[in-house]
Protein backbone atom coordinates (compact mmCIF):
# COMPACT_ATOMS: atom_id res chain seq x y z
CA MET A 1 17.04 -12.48 -5.28
CA SER A 2 14.49 -14.60 -3.52
CA ASP A 3 16.82 -16.22 -1.25
CA SER A 4 17.28 -12.89 0.23
CA LEU A 5 13.35 -12.57 1.63
CA ARG A 6 12.65 -15.89 4.05
CA VAL A 7 8.91 -16.18 5.12
CA GLY A 8 7.35 -18.31 8.09
CA ASN A 9 3.51 -19.33 9.16
CA ALA A 10 1.94 -21.08 12.13
CA GLN A 11 -1.40 -20.66 13.66
CA ILE A 12 -3.49 -21.80 16.38
CA VAL A 13 -7.36 -22.46 16.92
CA GLY A 14 -7.31 -21.25 20.52
CA ALA A 15 -10.10 -21.97 22.60
CA ARG A 16 -12.68 -21.86 18.86
CA THR A 17 -13.93 -24.71 18.42
CA ASP A 18 -12.76 -24.63 14.13
CA GLN A 19 -10.48 -22.32 12.51
CA GLN A 20 -11.52 -19.34 10.89
CA ASP A 21 -8.60 -17.95 9.49
CA ALA A 22 -6.58 -18.51 6.38
CA PHE A 23 -3.14 -17.51 4.92
CA GLY A 24 -0.66 -17.83 1.51
CA PHE A 25 1.56 -17.43 0.31
CA SER A 26 3.02 -16.93 -3.67
CA ASP A 27 5.66 -18.69 -4.40
CA LYS A 28 9.14 -17.06 -4.25
CA ASP A 29 11.22 -19.44 -5.90
CA ASP A 30 9.32 -18.70 -9.16
CA ALA A 31 12.29 -16.10 -9.86
CA TYR A 32 10.58 -14.53 -13.27
CA PHE A 33 7.25 -13.75 -11.18
CA VAL A 34 9.13 -12.26 -8.58
CA ARG A 35 10.75 -9.65 -10.58
CA HIS A 36 7.74 -8.08 -11.12
CA GLY A 37 5.36 -9.12 -8.62
CA GLY A 38 7.64 -9.51 -5.99
CA VAL A 39 7.03 -12.15 -3.19
CA LEU A 40 3.20 -12.04 -1.48
CA ALA A 41 1.60 -12.75 1.77
CA VAL A 42 -2.10 -12.52 2.20
CA ILE A 43 -3.97 -13.15 6.08
CA ALA A 44 -7.66 -13.42 6.54
CA ASP A 45 -9.84 -13.91 9.34
CA GLY A 46 -13.10 -15.25 8.91
CA MET A 47 -15.90 -13.09 10.90
CA GLY A 48 -16.97 -15.27 13.78
CA GLY A 49 -20.06 -13.36 14.68
CA HIS A 50 -21.36 -14.49 10.92
CA ALA A 51 -22.29 -17.34 8.89
CA TYR A 52 -19.26 -19.23 7.14
CA GLY A 53 -16.69 -17.36 8.58
CA GLY A 54 -14.22 -20.26 7.73
CA GLU A 55 -15.21 -20.50 4.36
CA ALA A 56 -14.79 -17.18 3.66
CA SER A 57 -11.61 -16.68 5.10
CA ARG A 58 -10.26 -19.45 2.76
CA ILE A 59 -12.36 -18.00 -0.34
CA ALA A 60 -10.77 -14.85 0.27
CA VAL A 61 -7.03 -16.32 0.35
CA LYS A 62 -7.42 -18.71 -2.25
CA ALA A 63 -9.12 -15.88 -4.71
CA PHE A 64 -6.53 -13.25 -4.51
CA LEU A 65 -3.57 -15.31 -4.86
CA LEU A 66 -4.67 -16.33 -8.05
CA ASP A 67 -5.88 -13.14 -9.04
CA TYR A 68 -2.55 -11.50 -8.43
CA MET A 69 -0.23 -14.93 -9.58
CA ALA A 70 -1.61 -13.77 -13.26
CA LYS A 71 -0.19 -10.33 -12.82
CA SER A 72 1.50 -9.14 -16.02
CA GLU A 73 4.84 -7.63 -16.11
CA ARG A 74 2.60 -4.38 -17.36
CA VAL A 75 0.39 -3.73 -14.60
CA SER A 76 1.78 -2.61 -11.50
CA ILE A 77 1.90 -3.98 -8.10
CA PRO A 78 -0.45 -1.64 -6.59
CA ASP A 79 -2.97 -1.81 -9.53
CA ALA A 80 -2.35 -5.82 -9.38
CA LEU A 81 -3.47 -5.69 -5.42
CA TYR A 82 -6.30 -3.39 -6.34
CA GLN A 83 -7.74 -5.88 -8.52
CA ALA A 84 -6.98 -9.14 -6.69
CA PHE A 85 -8.43 -7.32 -3.97
CA TYR A 86 -12.07 -7.11 -5.52
CA ALA A 87 -11.55 -10.31 -7.05
CA ALA A 88 -11.35 -12.11 -3.50
CA ASN A 89 -14.74 -9.56 -2.59
CA HIS A 90 -16.53 -10.73 -5.21
CA ALA A 91 -15.59 -14.54 -4.51
CA VAL A 92 -17.00 -13.83 -1.23
CA CYS A 93 -19.98 -12.07 -1.75
CA ALA A 94 -20.98 -14.80 -4.78
CA PHE A 95 -20.22 -17.69 -2.17
CA ALA A 96 -22.86 -15.94 0.71
CA GLU A 97 -25.28 -15.35 -2.23
CA GLU A 98 -25.49 -18.88 -2.95
CA ALA A 99 -25.20 -20.04 0.65
CA GLY A 100 -28.24 -17.75 1.38
CA GLU A 101 -25.79 -15.32 3.31
CA ALA A 102 -25.72 -12.38 1.31
CA GLY A 103 -24.24 -9.69 3.52
CA ASN A 104 -23.83 -12.05 6.65
CA CYS A 105 -20.38 -13.67 5.45
CA GLY A 106 -17.35 -12.01 5.94
CA THR A 107 -13.81 -11.63 6.84
CA THR A 108 -11.06 -9.58 7.41
CA PHE A 109 -7.84 -9.56 4.77
CA VAL A 110 -4.87 -7.94 4.41
CA ALA A 111 -1.77 -8.40 1.71
CA ALA A 112 1.86 -7.52 1.21
CA VAL A 113 3.68 -7.54 -1.13
CA VAL A 114 7.90 -7.08 -1.10
CA HIS A 115 9.38 -5.98 -3.83
CA LEU A 116 13.01 -7.77 -4.12
CA ALA A 117 14.15 -4.66 -6.95
CA SER A 118 13.10 -1.85 -5.23
CA ARG A 119 13.29 -3.36 -1.67
CA SER A 120 9.72 -1.86 -0.73
CA LEU A 121 6.81 -2.95 0.46
CA HIS A 122 3.58 -2.31 -0.73
CA TRP A 123 0.20 -3.73 1.01
CA ILE A 124 -3.78 -3.83 0.51
CA SER A 125 -6.16 -4.63 3.56
CA THR A 126 -9.46 -4.01 4.59
CA GLY A 127 -11.05 -5.20 8.71
CA ASP A 128 -8.98 -5.56 12.12
CA SER A 129 -6.19 -7.62 10.24
CA ARG A 130 -2.51 -6.09 10.53
CA ILE A 131 0.68 -5.64 9.20
CA LEU A 132 3.57 -5.15 11.67
CA LEU A 133 7.02 -3.40 10.25
CA PHE A 134 9.86 -4.48 13.03
CA ARG A 135 13.30 -2.59 12.34
CA LYS A 136 15.90 -3.30 14.90
CA CYS A 137 14.31 -2.63 18.85
CA GLN A 138 11.03 -0.44 17.15
CA TRP A 139 8.47 -1.80 15.51
CA VAL A 140 5.28 0.52 13.68
CA GLN A 141 1.84 -0.55 12.50
CA ILE A 142 1.49 -0.24 8.82
CA THR A 143 -1.90 -0.53 8.19
CA ALA A 144 -4.86 1.24 10.12
CA ASP A 145 -8.15 -0.94 11.05
CA SER A 146 -11.25 -0.49 9.68
CA ASN A 147 -13.23 -0.04 12.64
CA TYR A 148 -15.85 2.02 14.78
CA ALA A 149 -13.49 3.76 16.81
CA ASN A 150 -10.94 4.47 13.94
CA ARG A 151 -14.09 5.89 11.78
CA LEU A 152 -15.14 8.37 14.73
CA LEU A 153 -11.66 9.67 14.78
CA ASN A 154 -11.81 10.38 11.15
CA HIS A 155 -14.64 12.58 11.10
CA HIS A 156 -13.41 14.10 14.18
CA ILE A 157 -10.29 15.11 12.25
CA HIS A 158 -13.02 16.27 9.57
CA GLY A 159 -14.60 18.69 11.80
CA VAL A 160 -17.39 16.88 13.30
CA ASP A 161 -17.47 16.57 17.39
CA LEU A 162 -16.97 13.13 19.49
CA PRO A 163 -19.78 11.97 21.46
CA TYR A 164 -19.70 12.63 24.84
CA HIS A 165 -17.68 9.67 26.27
CA TRP A 166 -17.16 8.19 23.45
CA LYS A 167 -13.83 5.96 24.59
CA ASN A 168 -16.33 3.65 26.62
CA ASP A 169 -18.69 2.67 24.16
CA ILE A 170 -18.68 -1.25 23.47
CA HIS A 171 -18.55 -1.11 19.81
CA LEU A 172 -15.36 0.46 19.33
CA GLN A 173 -13.90 -2.52 17.62
CA GLY A 174 -16.35 -3.33 16.10
CA LEU A 175 -15.68 -3.69 12.22
CA THR A 176 -17.10 -0.87 9.47
CA SER A 177 -15.16 -3.23 7.23
CA PHE A 178 -14.55 -6.35 5.45
CA LEU A 179 -14.42 -8.64 2.37
CA GLY A 180 -18.30 -9.84 1.81
CA LEU A 181 -19.78 -6.35 1.39
CA GLN A 182 -21.20 -5.44 -1.92
CA GLU A 183 -19.53 -1.77 -1.35
CA ILE A 184 -16.28 -1.31 0.47
CA GLU A 185 -16.03 1.87 1.53
CA GLU A 186 -12.67 1.50 3.66
CA ILE A 187 -9.76 -0.27 2.22
CA ASP A 188 -6.15 0.67 3.44
CA ARG A 189 -3.77 0.40 0.74
CA SER A 190 -0.50 2.16 -0.64
CA LEU A 191 0.12 3.91 -3.58
CA CYS A 192 3.71 3.73 -4.10
CA GLY A 193 6.77 1.35 -2.23
CA LEU A 194 7.31 1.67 1.54
CA ARG A 195 11.15 1.26 1.68
CA LEU A 196 12.75 -1.49 3.63
CA HIS A 197 15.58 -1.91 5.01
CA PRO A 198 18.45 -5.06 5.30
CA GLN A 199 17.32 -7.22 8.52
CA ASP A 200 13.97 -5.82 8.68
CA TRP A 201 10.56 -8.20 9.96
CA LEU A 202 7.11 -8.08 8.48
CA VAL A 203 4.51 -9.48 10.38
CA LEU A 204 1.08 -10.55 9.03
CA CYS A 205 -1.25 -11.42 12.04
CA THR A 206 -4.94 -11.58 13.24
CA ASP A 207 -6.40 -10.02 16.25
CA GLY A 208 -5.82 -13.30 18.07
CA ILE A 209 -2.10 -12.31 18.06
CA TYR A 210 -2.13 -9.15 19.00
CA ASN A 211 -4.37 -8.44 21.35
CA THR A 212 -2.94 -11.35 23.63
CA LEU A 213 1.03 -10.47 22.83
CA ALA A 214 2.40 -7.44 23.12
CA GLU A 215 4.31 -6.31 20.35
CA ASN A 216 7.79 -5.87 22.18
CA GLU A 217 6.96 -9.69 23.15
CA ILE A 218 6.72 -10.58 19.23
CA LEU A 219 10.00 -8.72 18.82
CA ALA A 220 11.95 -10.90 21.24
CA LEU A 221 10.74 -13.56 18.98
CA LEU A 222 11.89 -12.44 15.80
CA HIS A 223 15.28 -13.93 15.12
CA GLY A 224 16.48 -17.13 13.51
CA ASP A 225 14.04 -19.31 11.26
CA PRO A 226 11.43 -17.24 10.61
CA ASN A 227 8.95 -20.39 10.76
CA THR A 228 10.58 -21.16 13.97
CA ALA A 229 9.55 -17.43 15.20
CA CYS A 230 5.97 -17.96 14.11
CA GLU A 231 6.01 -21.18 16.18
CA MET A 232 7.42 -19.51 19.26
CA ILE A 233 4.83 -16.51 18.81
CA VAL A 234 1.65 -19.43 18.39
CA GLN A 235 3.19 -21.18 21.84
CA LYS A 236 3.68 -17.66 23.72
CA VAL A 237 0.34 -16.91 22.76
CA THR A 238 -0.67 -20.33 24.22
CA ALA A 239 1.09 -19.92 26.96
CA LYS A 240 -0.70 -16.56 28.36
CA GLY A 241 -3.84 -19.18 29.04
CA LEU A 242 -6.86 -17.31 27.76
CA ALA A 243 -10.15 -18.39 28.63
CA HIS A 244 -11.25 -16.75 25.10
CA GLN A 245 -8.52 -16.93 23.31
CA ASP A 246 -9.44 -16.17 19.64
CA ASN A 247 -7.86 -18.15 16.56
CA ALA A 248 -4.59 -16.88 16.35
CA THR A 249 -2.56 -16.78 13.02
CA VAL A 250 1.17 -14.75 12.31
CA ALA A 251 2.89 -15.22 8.58
CA THR A 252 6.62 -13.45 8.67
CA ILE A 253 8.42 -12.26 5.74
CA ALA A 254 11.89 -11.75 6.96
CA CYS A 255 14.24 -9.27 4.75
CA ASP A 256 17.90 -10.58 4.21
CA PHE A 257 19.36 -7.88 1.84
CA ASN A 258 22.88 -7.69 1.65
CA PRO A 259 23.61 -4.48 3.50
CA ALA A 260 26.72 -4.20 0.64
CA HIS A 261 24.55 -3.89 -2.38
CA ASP A 262 22.03 -1.90 -0.48
CA GLY A 263 21.63 1.92 -1.98
CA ARG A 264 22.08 2.72 1.86
CA GLY A 265 24.82 0.37 1.69
CA LYS A 266 28.75 0.44 2.66
CA TRP A 267 30.04 0.90 -1.04
CA ARG A 268 28.72 3.93 -1.02
CA THR A 269 31.54 4.99 1.71
CA THR A 270 34.89 3.71 0.12
CA PRO A 271 37.56 5.60 -1.20
CA PHE A 272 37.19 4.68 -4.78
CA VAL A 273 33.69 5.49 -4.99
CA LYS A 274 34.26 8.85 -3.18
CA LEU A 275 36.94 9.57 -5.70
CA GLY A 276 34.41 8.65 -8.60
CA PHE A 277 31.77 10.68 -7.84
CA GLY A 278 33.73 13.57 -7.18
CA LEU A 279 35.51 13.78 -10.57
CA PHE A 280 32.00 12.88 -12.13
CA LEU A 281 30.73 15.53 -10.14
CA ILE A 282 33.58 18.14 -11.21
CA SER A 283 33.01 16.63 -15.07
CA LEU A 284 29.15 18.03 -14.85
CA VAL A 285 30.15 21.35 -13.45
CA LEU A 286 32.42 21.96 -16.50
CA ILE A 287 30.06 20.72 -18.73
CA ALA A 288 27.33 23.12 -17.41
CA TYR A 289 29.84 25.72 -17.30
CA SER A 290 30.56 25.74 -20.98
CA VAL A 291 26.88 25.91 -21.44
CA PHE A 292 25.27 28.11 -19.06
CA ASN A 293 26.24 31.54 -17.45
CA ILE A 294 27.24 31.57 -13.94
CA GLU A 295 23.51 32.31 -12.58
CA GLU A 296 22.21 29.70 -14.35
CA LEU A 297 24.69 27.50 -13.33
CA LEU A 298 24.16 28.42 -9.60
CA VAL A 299 20.39 27.26 -10.18
CA TRP A 300 21.51 24.31 -12.18
CA LEU A 301 23.88 23.36 -9.12
CA TYR A 302 20.92 23.96 -6.24
CA HIS A 303 18.62 21.36 -8.27
CA PHE A 304 21.23 18.64 -8.58
CA ALA A 305 22.35 19.65 -5.08
CA LYS A 306 18.53 18.67 -3.58
CA GLN A 307 18.25 15.88 -6.17
CA PHE A 308 21.75 14.24 -4.39
CA ALA A 309 19.89 14.95 -0.72
CA TYR A 310 16.93 13.61 -1.72
CA ARG A 311 18.54 10.07 -2.92
CA MET A 312 21.03 9.60 0.26
CA VAL A 313 17.79 9.79 2.45
């Protein structure tokens, strides 16, 4: 089953003096773990304006992977992600305190899990590293950035007036949440899985990628081998030649699900399946008719049709 997922990664230092991004994957060839824990990808971007950004990102990735890979079958993926997230934050805070930089050492963080059995995406993040989902010719940003702009918009949604000329505020992109805080107020996480389709591409990236390339430029490179695709992405970033190019890191998960066995796949449209389902439905109606009166039967059929329609979406 793990062959249904292909992963890739690449990064560049850019115009910076050192690499403060970090990334990692779980072992997609560990069949036992993949069955209940899925395939995990993580990216962290150490905060350059703070102390030890590179150390913070590497510590966060290592601590998160160790904790998540200890997940048992009894623990759900969202709960395991949440637990690993706080294990990573504890590790970064402990390092910062030991280095005498408590409160001044941090990293963005984003983690994505693809669960093969349910073909679903789960995630958790804080900061402004992103998960992008590319499907055919379309894309969507899955995660929400933890920055001042989004905090203002969230307050506005809840009835707070926005400051005059707020769009011109130079601090709009400033982070409002990251690993390294004793209390993290802004965590973007999934509580249930997002259904994935065959040929979907998941792209995890730091701001050194998405601030340099438009999503359509990334989309044009998502084909073939994921490692090659990631290399082409960072090469395109380099080719832009920006004087202040940030560290840039990208990790991808390509979903090579077989449509013939997918819940939306072709097997549902075969004549034999249609005939079998029709006979099954008639049998259910006859059984229901023998048990219920006609009014109860109509109610039962209504609810059955609703459930069937929901499963076909």
